[in-house]
Amino acid sequence: MNTPIRYLAGFILEDQEELTLDDLCRACAAQSELIVDLVHEGVLAPLGAAPEVWRFTGVHLHRATVAVRLQRDLGVNPAGAALALELMDELDSLRAQLNRLQGL
């Protein structure tokens, strides 16, 4: 039995230079209010002075996706997501330091 091959077409958002607030919301499946809250909590630091002109990068996309999943799956509020992401960043930093020290 032959199974037909399906091809998917698209583009990788993380490689895109800039994302608008609407782009980021679509990519994360999140409401704009949540993204605005994440900006206010310091989870995301977009370029631009107001939501209408904010521009996000692939790094923002990754952080927003993690924060949205924390909220959706675990019920974490934006402040809790900020803390969790800060701790994850610290853990990554400590792992990198450990790897450098083990390589000496």
PDB file of N, CA and C in Angstrom:
ATOM      1  N   MET A   1       0.831  -1.168   0.000  1.00  0.00           N
ATOM      2  CA  MET A   1       0.000   0.000   0.000  1.00  0.00           C
ATOM      3  C   MET A   1       0.886   1.245   0.000  1.00  0.00           C
ATOM      4  N   ASN A   2       0.693   2.101  -0.969  1.00  0.00           N
ATOM      5  CA  ASN A   2       1.472   3.332  -1.065  1.00  0.00           C
ATOM      6  C   ASN A   2       0.797   4.454  -0.297  1.00  0.00           C
ATOM      7  N   THR A   3       1.575   5.100   0.529  1.00  0.00           N
ATOM      8  CA  THR A   3       1.078   6.244   1.281  1.00  0.00           C
ATOM      9  C   THR A   3       1.484   7.503   0.534  1.00  0.00           C
ATOM     10  N   PRO A   4       0.536   8.377   0.228  1.00  0.00           N
ATOM     11  CA  PRO A   4       0.907   9.601  -0.496  1.00  0.00           C
ATOM     12  C   PRO A   4       1.799  10.487   0.380  1.00  0.00           C
ATOM     13  N   ILE A   5       2.720  11.139  -0.267  1.00  0.00           N
ATOM     14  CA  ILE A   5       3.632  12.054   0.421  1.00  0.00           C
ATOM     15  C   ILE A   5       3.014  13.439   0.424  1.00  0.00           C
ATOM     16  N   ARG A   6       2.945  14.041   1.602  1.00  0.00           N
ATOM     17  CA  ARG A   6       2.421  15.405   1.720  1.00  0.00           C
ATOM     18  C   ARG A   6       3.589  16.360   1.947  1.00  0.00           C
ATOM     19  N   TYR A   7       3.567  17.453   1.266  1.00  0.00           N
ATOM     20  CA  TYR A   7       4.601  18.470   1.404  1.00  0.00           C
ATOM     21  C   TYR A   7       4.013  19.674   2.115  1.00  0.00           C
ATOM     22  N   LEU A   8       4.774  20.207   3.031  1.00  0.00           N
ATOM     23  CA  LEU A   8       4.360  21.408   3.741  1.00  0.00           C
ATOM     24  C   LEU A   8       5.234  22.564   3.300  1.00  0.00           C
ATOM     25  N   ALA A   9       4.628  23.692   3.108  1.00  0.00           N
ATOM     26  CA  ALA A   9       5.373  24.882   2.717  1.00  0.00           C
ATOM     27  C   ALA A   9       5.235  25.923   3.809  1.00  0.00           C
ATOM     28  N   GLY A  10       6.263  26.696   4.026  1.00  0.00           N
ATOM     29  CA  GLY A  10       6.219  27.746   5.035  1.00  0.00           C
ATOM     30  C   GLY A  10       7.572  28.411   5.154  1.00  0.00           C
ATOM     31  N   PHE A  11       7.713  29.172   6.189  1.00  0.00           N
ATOM     32  CA  PHE A  11       8.984  29.810   6.445  1.00  0.00           C
ATOM     33  C   PHE A  11       9.244  29.765   7.938  1.00  0.00           C
ATOM     34  N   ILE A  12      10.496  29.862   8.309  1.00  0.00           N
ATOM     35  CA  ILE A  12      10.883  29.788   9.707  1.00  0.00           C
ATOM     36  C   ILE A  12      10.846  31.193  10.291  1.00  0.00           C
ATOM     37  N   LEU A  13       9.957  31.397  11.256  1.00  0.00           N
ATOM     38  CA  LEU A  13       9.801  32.730  11.832  1.00  0.00           C
ATOM     39  C   LEU A  13      11.048  33.191  12.566  1.00  0.00           C
ATOM     40  N   GLU A  14      11.775  32.266  13.189  1.00  0.00           N
ATOM     41  CA  GLU A  14      12.946  32.654  13.943  1.00  0.00           C
ATOM     42  C   GLU A  14      14.019  33.274  13.059  1.00  0.00           C
ATOM     43  N   ASP A  15      13.992  32.952  11.766  1.00  0.00           N
ATOM     44  CA  ASP A  15      14.983  33.510  10.850  1.00  0.00           C
ATOM     45  C   ASP A  15      14.563  34.869  10.303  1.00  0.00           C
ATOM     46  N   GLN A  16      13.342  35.252  10.533  1.00  0.00           N
ATOM     47  CA  GLN A  16      12.850  36.535  10.057  1.00  0.00           C
ATOM     48  C   GLN A  16      13.478  37.640  10.908  1.00  0.00           C
ATOM     49  N   GLU A  17      13.828  38.756  10.313  1.00  0.00           N
ATOM     50  CA  GLU A  17      14.488  39.822  11.050  1.00  0.00           C
ATOM     51  C   GLU A  17      13.590  40.471  12.086  1.00  0.00           C
ATOM     52  N   GLU A  18      12.367  40.757  11.734  1.00  0.00           N
ATOM     53  CA  GLU A  18      11.474  41.465  12.640  1.00  0.00           C
ATOM     54  C   GLU A  18      10.070  40.904  12.567  1.00  0.00           C
ATOM     55  N   LEU A  19       9.433  40.852  13.725  1.00  0.00           N
ATOM     56  CA  LEU A  19       8.040  40.437  13.808  1.00  0.00           C
ATOM     57  C   LEU A  19       7.252  41.555  14.469  1.00  0.00           C
ATOM     58  N   THR A  20       6.053  41.794  13.979  1.00  0.00           N
ATOM     59  CA  THR A  20       5.169  42.758  14.629  1.00  0.00           C
ATOM     60  C   THR A  20       4.484  42.062  15.803  1.00  0.00           C
ATOM     61  N   LEU A  21       3.752  42.814  16.586  1.00  0.00           N
ATOM     62  CA  LEU A  21       2.981  42.242  17.686  1.00  0.00           C
ATOM     63  C   LEU A  21       1.990  41.216  17.144  1.00  0.00           C
ATOM     64  N   ASP A  22       1.314  41.535  16.057  1.00  0.00           N
ATOM     65  CA  ASP A  22       0.361  40.591  15.458  1.00  0.00           C
ATOM     66  C   ASP A  22       1.058  39.317  14.982  1.00  0.00           C
ATOM     67  N   ASP A  23       2.238  39.461  14.363  1.00  0.00           N
ATOM     68  CA  ASP A  23       3.003  38.296  13.908  1.00  0.00           C
ATOM     69  C   ASP A  23       3.357  37.398  15.091  1.00  0.00           C
ATOM     70  N   LEU A  24       3.834  38.011  16.156  1.00  0.00           N
ATOM     71  CA  LEU A  24       4.231  37.255  17.334  1.00  0.00           C
ATOM     72  C   LEU A  24       3.032  36.547  17.960  1.00  0.00           C
ATOM     73  N   CYS A  25       1.915  37.232  18.038  1.00  0.00           N
ATOM     74  CA  CYS A  25       0.695  36.625  18.591  1.00  0.00           C
ATOM     75  C   CYS A  25       0.270  35.405  17.784  1.00  0.00           C
ATOM     76  N   ARG A  26       0.308  35.528  16.467  1.00  0.00           N
ATOM     77  CA  ARG A  26      -0.070  34.397  15.608  1.00  0.00           C
ATOM     78  C   ARG A  26       0.907  33.239  15.783  1.00  0.00           C
ATOM     79  N   ALA A  27       2.193  33.548  15.825  1.00  0.00           N
ATOM     80  CA  ALA A  27       3.209  32.499  15.935  1.00  0.00           C
ATOM     81  C   ALA A  27       3.130  31.761  17.269  1.00  0.00           C
ATOM     82  N   CYS A  28       2.720  32.460  18.317  1.00  0.00           N
ATOM     83  CA  CYS A  28       2.636  31.868  19.660  1.00  0.00           C
ATOM     84  C   CYS A  28       1.232  31.414  20.015  1.00  0.00           C
ATOM     85  N   ALA A  29       0.271  31.690  19.167  1.00  0.00           N
ATOM     86  CA  ALA A  29      -1.139  31.412  19.461  1.00  0.00           C
ATOM     87  C   ALA A  29      -1.527  32.070  20.775  1.00  0.00           C
ATOM     88  N   ALA A  30      -1.212  33.353  20.896  1.00  0.00           N
ATOM     89  CA  ALA A  30      -1.474  34.093  22.134  1.00  0.00           C
ATOM     90  C   ALA A  30      -2.239  35.373  21.828  1.00  0.00           C
ATOM     91  N   GLN A  31      -2.966  35.838  22.817  1.00  0.00           N
ATOM     92  CA  GLN A  31      -3.662  37.116  22.718  1.00  0.00           C
ATOM     93  C   GLN A  31      -2.637  38.244  22.909  1.00  0.00           C
ATOM     94  N   SER A  32      -2.891  39.378  22.277  1.00  0.00           N
ATOM     95  CA  SER A  32      -1.957  40.505  22.385  1.00  0.00           C
ATOM     96  C   SER A  32      -1.819  40.994  23.820  1.00  0.00           C
ATOM     97  N   GLU A  33      -2.875  40.864  24.620  1.00  0.00           N
ATOM     98  CA  GLU A  33      -2.807  41.306  26.015  1.00  0.00           C
ATOM     99  C   GLU A  33      -1.735  40.536  26.779  1.00  0.00           C
ATOM    100  N   LEU A  34      -1.604  39.241  26.504  1.00  0.00           N
ATOM    101  CA  LEU A  34      -0.576  38.439  27.179  1.00  0.00           C
ATOM    102  C   LEU A  34       0.812  38.909  26.770  1.00  0.00           C
ATOM    103  N   ILE A  35       1.015  39.171  25.493  1.00  0.00           N
ATOM    104  CA  ILE A  35       2.324  39.632  25.028  1.00  0.00           C
ATOM    105  C   ILE A  35       2.651  40.985  25.654  1.00  0.00           C
ATOM    106  N   VAL A  36       1.679  41.874  25.721  1.00  0.00           N
ATOM    107  CA  VAL A  36       1.888  43.181  26.363  1.00  0.00           C
ATOM    108  C   VAL A  36       2.272  42.976  27.832  1.00  0.00           C
ATOM    109  N   ASP A  37       1.595  42.066  28.515  1.00  0.00           N
ATOM    110  CA  ASP A  37       1.944  41.767  29.910  1.00  0.00           C
ATOM    111  C   ASP A  37       3.370  41.239  30.026  1.00  0.00           C
ATOM    112  N   LEU A  38       3.787  40.392  29.078  1.00  0.00           N
ATOM    113  CA  LEU A  38       5.149  39.856  29.108  1.00  0.00           C
ATOM    114  C   LEU A  38       6.181  40.959  28.899  1.00  0.00           C
ATOM    115  N   VAL A  39       5.842  41.927  28.061  1.00  0.00           N
ATOM    116  CA  VAL A  39       6.739  43.078  27.869  1.00  0.00           C
ATOM    117  C   VAL A  39       6.831  43.867  29.173  1.00  0.00           C
ATOM    118  N   HIS A  40       5.705  44.091  29.820  1.00  0.00           N
ATOM    119  CA  HIS A  40       5.688  44.862  31.075  1.00  0.00           C
ATOM    120  C   HIS A  40       6.434  44.139  32.186  1.00  0.00           C
ATOM    121  N   GLU A  41       6.453  42.806  32.154  1.00  0.00           N
ATOM    122  CA  GLU A  41       7.173  42.021  33.163  1.00  0.00           C
ATOM    123  C   GLU A  41       8.665  41.901  32.848  1.00  0.00           C
ATOM    124  N   GLY A  42       9.084  42.369  31.670  1.00  0.00           N
ATOM    125  CA  GLY A  42      10.489  42.294  31.294  1.00  0.00           C
ATOM    126  C   GLY A  42      10.886  40.995  30.624  1.00  0.00           C
ATOM    127  N   VAL A  43       9.918  40.142  30.323  1.00  0.00           N
ATOM    128  CA  VAL A  43      10.212  38.880  29.637  1.00  0.00           C
ATOM    129  C   VAL A  43      10.654  39.167  28.214  1.00  0.00           C
ATOM    130  N   LEU A  44      10.017  40.141  27.583  1.00  0.00           N
ATOM    131  CA  LEU A  44      10.322  40.546  26.214  1.00  0.00           C
ATOM    132  C   LEU A  44      10.686  42.023  26.209  1.00  0.00           C
ATOM    133  N   ALA A  45      11.664  42.372  25.401  1.00  0.00           N
ATOM    134  CA  ALA A  45      12.082  43.770  25.284  1.00  0.00           C
ATOM    135  C   ALA A  45      12.121  44.146  23.799  1.00  0.00           C
ATOM    136  N   PRO A  46      10.958  44.424  23.214  1.00  0.00           N
ATOM    137  CA  PRO A  46      10.922  44.729  21.782  1.00  0.00           C
ATOM    138  C   PRO A  46      11.503  46.107  21.478  1.00  0.00           C
ATOM    139  N   LEU A  47      11.855  46.292  20.230  1.00  0.00           N
ATOM    140  CA  LEU A  47      12.238  47.621  19.755  1.00  0.00           C
ATOM    141  C   LEU A  47      10.957  48.403  19.504  1.00  0.00           C
ATOM    142  N   GLY A  48      10.974  49.678  19.798  1.00  0.00           N
ATOM    143  CA  GLY A  48       9.809  50.521  19.564  1.00  0.00           C
ATOM    144  C   GLY A  48       9.201  50.992  20.865  1.00  0.00           C
ATOM    145  N   ALA A  49       8.524  52.127  20.788  1.00  0.00           N
ATOM    146  CA  ALA A  49       8.007  52.779  21.990  1.00  0.00           C
ATOM    147  C   ALA A  49       6.591  52.362  22.357  1.00  0.00           C
ATOM    148  N   ALA A  50       5.832  51.812  21.427  1.00  0.00           N
ATOM    149  CA  ALA A  50       4.428  51.479  21.688  1.00  0.00           C
ATOM    150  C   ALA A  50       4.077  50.174  20.981  1.00  0.00           C
ATOM    151  N   PRO A  51       3.052  49.474  21.456  1.00  0.00           N
ATOM    152  CA  PRO A  51       2.686  48.189  20.838  1.00  0.00           C
ATOM    153  C   PRO A  51       2.481  48.260  19.320  1.00  0.00           C
ATOM    154  N   GLU A  52       1.989  49.371  18.831  1.00  0.00           N
ATOM    155  CA  GLU A  52       1.738  49.490  17.386  1.00  0.00           C
ATOM    156  C   GLU A  52       3.022  49.455  16.563  1.00  0.00           C
ATOM    157  N   VAL A  53       4.145  49.818  17.159  1.00  0.00           N
ATOM    158  CA  VAL A  53       5.407  49.861  16.419  1.00  0.00           C
ATOM    159  C   VAL A  53       6.444  48.885  16.966  1.00  0.00           C
ATOM    160  N   TRP A  54       6.083  48.074  17.953  1.00  0.00           N
ATOM    161  CA  TRP A  54       7.030  47.097  18.493  1.00  0.00           C
ATOM    162  C   TRP A  54       7.505  46.163  17.410  1.00  0.00           C
ATOM    163  N   ARG A  55       8.780  45.787  17.506  1.00  0.00           N
ATOM    164  CA  ARG A  55       9.369  44.801  16.607  1.00  0.00           C
ATOM    165  C   ARG A  55      10.091  43.774  17.474  1.00  0.00           C
ATOM    166  N   PHE A  56       9.830  42.500  17.168  1.00  0.00           N
ATOM    167  CA  PHE A  56      10.376  41.387  17.928  1.00  0.00           C
ATOM    168  C   PHE A  56      11.322  40.577  17.052  1.00  0.00           C
ATOM    169  N   THR A  57      12.234  39.849  17.695  1.00  0.00           N
ATOM    170  CA  THR A  57      13.195  39.002  16.986  1.00  0.00           C
ATOM    171  C   THR A  57      12.872  37.531  17.237  1.00  0.00           C
ATOM    172  N   GLY A  58      13.663  36.662  16.663  1.00  0.00           N
ATOM    173  CA  GLY A  58      13.523  35.234  16.892  1.00  0.00           C
ATOM    174  C   GLY A  58      13.730  34.854  18.349  1.00  0.00           C
ATOM    175  N   VAL A  59      14.611  35.560  19.040  1.00  0.00           N
ATOM    176  CA  VAL A  59      14.825  35.309  20.471  1.00  0.00           C
ATOM    177  C   VAL A  59      13.543  35.623  21.239  1.00  0.00           C
ATOM    178  N   HIS A  60      12.904  36.732  20.899  1.00  0.00           N
ATOM    179  CA  HIS A  60      11.626  37.076  21.530  1.00  0.00           C
ATOM    180  C   HIS A  60      10.581  35.998  21.256  1.00  0.00           C
ATOM    181  N   LEU A  61      10.564  35.495  20.037  1.00  0.00           N
ATOM    182  CA  LEU A  61       9.613  34.458  19.665  1.00  0.00           C
ATOM    183  C   LEU A  61       9.792  33.230  20.553  1.00  0.00           C
ATOM    184  N   HIS A  62      11.032  32.825  20.735  1.00  0.00           N
ATOM    185  CA  HIS A  62      11.301  31.655  21.576  1.00  0.00           C
ATOM    186  C   HIS A  62      10.842  31.897  23.013  1.00  0.00           C
ATOM    187  N   ARG A  63      11.215  33.046  23.566  1.00  0.00           N
ATOM    188  CA  ARG A  63      10.846  33.362  24.954  1.00  0.00           C
ATOM    189  C   ARG A  63       9.325  33.462  25.111  1.00  0.00           C
ATOM    190  N   ALA A  64       8.670  34.086  24.153  1.00  0.00           N
ATOM    191  CA  ALA A  64       7.212  34.222  24.224  1.00  0.00           C
ATOM    192  C   ALA A  64       6.540  32.858  24.138  1.00  0.00           C
ATOM    193  N   THR A  65       7.047  31.997  23.281  1.00  0.00           N
ATOM    194  CA  THR A  65       6.479  30.656  23.147  1.00  0.00           C
ATOM    195  C   THR A  65       6.581  29.889  24.462  1.00  0.00           C
ATOM    196  N   VAL A  66       7.733  29.965  25.113  1.00  0.00           N
ATOM    197  CA  VAL A  66       7.910  29.293  26.402  1.00  0.00           C
ATOM    198  C   VAL A  66       6.960  29.888  27.440  1.00  0.00           C
ATOM    199  N   ALA A  67       6.872  31.208  27.489  1.00  0.00           N
ATOM    200  CA  ALA A  67       5.990  31.869  28.459  1.00  0.00           C
ATOM    201  C   ALA A  67       4.527  31.510  28.227  1.00  0.00           C
ATOM    202  N   VAL A  68       4.112  31.457  26.980  1.00  0.00           N
ATOM    203  CA  VAL A  68       2.729  31.106  26.656  1.00  0.00           C
ATOM    204  C   VAL A  68       2.449  29.665  27.073  1.00  0.00           C
ATOM    205  N   ARG A  69       3.398  28.769  26.819  1.00  0.00           N
ATOM    206  CA  ARG A  69       3.213  27.375  27.236  1.00  0.00           C
ATOM    207  C   ARG A  69       3.143  27.249  28.751  1.00  0.00           C
ATOM    208  N   LEU A  70       3.975  28.001  29.463  1.00  0.00           N
ATOM    209  CA  LEU A  70       3.920  27.976  30.927  1.00  0.00           C
ATOM    210  C   LEU A  70       2.543  28.419  31.415  1.00  0.00           C
ATOM    211  N   GLN A  71       2.020  29.450  30.781  1.00  0.00           N
ATOM    212  CA  GLN A  71       0.706  29.946  31.193  1.00  0.00           C
ATOM    213  C   GLN A  71      -0.380  28.942  30.855  1.00  0.00           C
ATOM    214  N   ARG A  72      -0.374  28.459  29.635  1.00  0.00           N
ATOM    215  CA  ARG A  72      -1.437  27.556  29.173  1.00  0.00           C
ATOM    216  C   ARG A  72      -1.390  26.205  29.888  1.00  0.00           C
ATOM    217  N   ASP A  73      -0.197  25.613  29.991  1.00  0.00           N
ATOM    218  CA  ASP A  73      -0.081  24.257  30.521  1.00  0.00           C
ATOM    219  C   ASP A  73      -0.034  24.203  32.046  1.00  0.00           C
ATOM    220  N   LEU A  74       0.556  25.234  32.665  1.00  0.00           N
ATOM    221  CA  LEU A  74       0.746  25.192  34.117  1.00  0.00           C
ATOM    222  C   LEU A  74      -0.009  26.277  34.871  1.00  0.00           C
ATOM    223  N   GLY A  75      -0.657  27.174  34.154  1.00  0.00           N
ATOM    224  CA  GLY A  75      -1.401  28.243  34.817  1.00  0.00           C
ATOM    225  C   GLY A  75      -0.526  29.320  35.431  1.00  0.00           C
ATOM    226  N   VAL A  76       0.701  29.442  34.941  1.00  0.00           N
ATOM    227  CA  VAL A  76       1.640  30.444  35.462  1.00  0.00           C
ATOM    228  C   VAL A  76       1.239  31.826  34.949  1.00  0.00           C
ATOM    229  N   ASN A  77       1.249  32.831  35.820  1.00  0.00           N
ATOM    230  CA  ASN A  77       0.934  34.198  35.389  1.00  0.00           C
ATOM    231  C   ASN A  77       2.178  34.836  34.762  1.00  0.00           C
ATOM    232  N   PRO A  78       2.054  36.008  34.138  1.00  0.00           N
ATOM    233  CA  PRO A  78       3.216  36.637  33.483  1.00  0.00           C
ATOM    234  C   PRO A  78       4.407  36.854  34.417  1.00  0.00           C
ATOM    235  N   ALA A  79       4.164  37.222  35.678  1.00  0.00           N
ATOM    236  CA  ALA A  79       5.275  37.406  36.623  1.00  0.00           C
ATOM    237  C   ALA A  79       5.969  36.072  36.889  1.00  0.00           C
ATOM    238  N   GLY A  80       5.193  35.011  37.012  1.00  0.00           N
ATOM    239  CA  GLY A  80       5.774  33.685  37.211  1.00  0.00           C
ATOM    240  C   GLY A  80       6.556  33.223  35.993  1.00  0.00           C
ATOM    241  N   ALA A  81       6.051  33.536  34.803  1.00  0.00           N
ATOM    242  CA  ALA A  81       6.767  33.190  33.575  1.00  0.00           C
ATOM    243  C   ALA A  81       8.089  33.943  33.501  1.00  0.00           C
ATOM    244  N   ALA A  82       8.077  35.206  33.919  1.00  0.00           N
ATOM    245  CA  ALA A  82       9.316  35.996  33.933  1.00  0.00           C
ATOM    246  C   ALA A  82      10.343  35.346  34.852  1.00  0.00           C
ATOM    247  N   LEU A  83       9.912  34.933  36.035  1.00  0.00           N
ATOM    248  CA  LEU A  83      10.816  34.283  36.979  1.00  0.00           C
ATOM    249  C   LEU A  83      11.325  32.964  36.416  1.00  0.00           C
ATOM    250  N   ALA A  84      10.432  32.157  35.849  1.00  0.00           N
ATOM    251  CA  ALA A  84      10.836  30.867  35.288  1.00  0.00           C
ATOM    252  C   ALA A  84      11.855  31.049  34.168  1.00  0.00           C
ATOM    253  N   LEU A  85      11.628  32.022  33.281  1.00  0.00           N
ATOM    254  CA  LEU A  85      12.565  32.263  32.183  1.00  0.00           C
ATOM    255  C   LEU A  85      13.908  32.776  32.703  1.00  0.00           C
ATOM    256  N   GLU A  86      13.875  33.600  33.734  1.00  0.00           N
ATOM    257  CA  GLU A  86      15.121  34.081  34.341  1.00  0.00           C
ATOM    258  C   GLU A  86      15.912  32.904  34.920  1.00  0.00           C
ATOM    259  N   LEU A  87      15.226  32.003  35.596  1.00  0.00           N
ATOM    260  CA  LEU A  87      15.892  30.827  36.164  1.00  0.00           C
ATOM    261  C   LEU A  87      16.420  29.903  35.068  1.00  0.00           C
ATOM    262  N   MET A  88      15.674  29.751  33.971  1.00  0.00           N
ATOM    263  CA  MET A  88      16.150  28.939  32.851  1.00  0.00           C
ATOM    264  C   MET A  88      17.401  29.550  32.224  1.00  0.00           C
ATOM    265  N   ASP A  89      17.415  30.877  32.088  1.00  0.00           N
ATOM    266  CA  ASP A  89      18.592  31.562  31.547  1.00  0.00           C
ATOM    267  C   ASP A  89      19.800  31.339  32.451  1.00  0.00           C
ATOM    268  N   GLU A  90      19.576  31.433  33.756  1.00  0.00           N
ATOM    269  CA  GLU A  90      20.663  31.226  34.724  1.00  0.00           C
ATOM    270  C   GLU A  90      21.173  29.788  34.649  1.00  0.00           C
ATOM    271  N   LEU A  91      20.269  28.839  34.528  1.00  0.00           N
ATOM    272  CA  LEU A  91      20.659  27.442  34.400  1.00  0.00           C
ATOM    273  C   LEU A  91      21.488  27.217  33.137  1.00  0.00           C
ATOM    274  N   ASP A  92      21.070  27.805  32.031  1.00  0.00           N
ATOM    275  CA  ASP A  92      21.842  27.696  30.780  1.00  0.00           C
ATOM    276  C   ASP A  92      23.236  28.278  30.948  1.00  0.00           C
ATOM    277  N   SER A  93      23.323  29.422  31.627  1.00  0.00           N
ATOM    278  CA  SER A  93      24.615  30.068  31.863  1.00  0.00           C
ATOM    279  C   SER A  93      25.519  29.190  32.721  1.00  0.00           C
ATOM    280  N   LEU A  94      24.962  28.624  33.770  1.00  0.00           N
ATOM    281  CA  LEU A  94      25.749  27.753  34.650  1.00  0.00           C
ATOM    282  C   LEU A  94      26.206  26.493  33.930  1.00  0.00           C
ATOM    283  N   ARG A  95      25.350  25.941  33.084  1.00  0.00           N
ATOM    284  CA  ARG A  95      25.740  24.764  32.297  1.00  0.00           C
ATOM    285  C   ARG A  95      26.879  25.095  31.338  1.00  0.00           C
ATOM    286  N   ALA A  96      26.811  26.270  30.718  1.00  0.00           N
ATOM    287  CA  ALA A  96      27.873  26.685  29.803  1.00  0.00           C
ATOM    288  C   ALA A  96      29.188  26.858  30.560  1.00  0.00           C
ATOM    289  N   GLN A  97      29.135  27.458  31.745  1.00  0.00           N
ATOM    290  CA  GLN A  97      30.341  27.615  32.566  1.00  0.00           C
ATOM    291  C   GLN A  97      30.917  26.260  32.946  1.00  0.00           C
ATOM    292  N   LEU A  98      30.064  25.327  33.343  1.00  0.00           N
ATOM    293  CA  LEU A  98      30.503  23.991  33.719  1.00  0.00           C
ATOM    294  C   LEU A  98      31.155  23.291  32.528  1.00  0.00           C
ATOM    295  N   ASN A  99      30.548  23.420  31.353  1.00  0.00           N
ATOM    296  CA  ASN A  99      31.132  22.797  30.156  1.00  0.00           C
ATOM    297  C   ASN A  99      32.498  23.380  29.841  1.00  0.00           C
ATOM    298  N   ARG A 100      32.661  24.706  30.011  1.00  0.00           N
ATOM    299  CA  ARG A 100      33.962  25.332  29.768  1.00  0.00           C
ATOM    300  C   ARG A 100      34.994  24.826  30.777  1.00  0.00           C
ATOM    301  N   LEU A 101      34.611  24.719  32.028  1.00  0.00           N
ATOM    302  CA  LEU A 101      35.529  24.253  33.058  1.00  0.00           C
ATOM    303  C   LEU A 101      35.902  22.779  32.846  1.00  0.00           C
ATOM    304  N   GLN A 102      34.970  21.976  32.414  1.00  0.00           N
ATOM    305  CA  GLN A 102      35.263  20.570  32.170  1.00  0.00           C
ATOM    306  C   GLN A 102      36.158  20.401  30.960  1.00  0.00           C
ATOM    307  N   GLY A 103      36.132  21.364  30.068  1.00  0.00           N
ATOM    308  CA  GLY A 103      36.968  21.284  28.874  1.00  0.00           C
ATOM    309  C   GLY A 103      38.414  21.694  29.128  1.00  0.00           C
ATOM    310  N   LEU A 104      38.717  22.245  30.288  1.00  0.00           N
ATOM    311  CA  LEU A 104      40.093  22.692  30.596  1.00  0.00           C
ATOM    312  C   LEU A 104      40.985  21.539  30.923  1.00  0.00           C
TER     313      LEU A 104
END
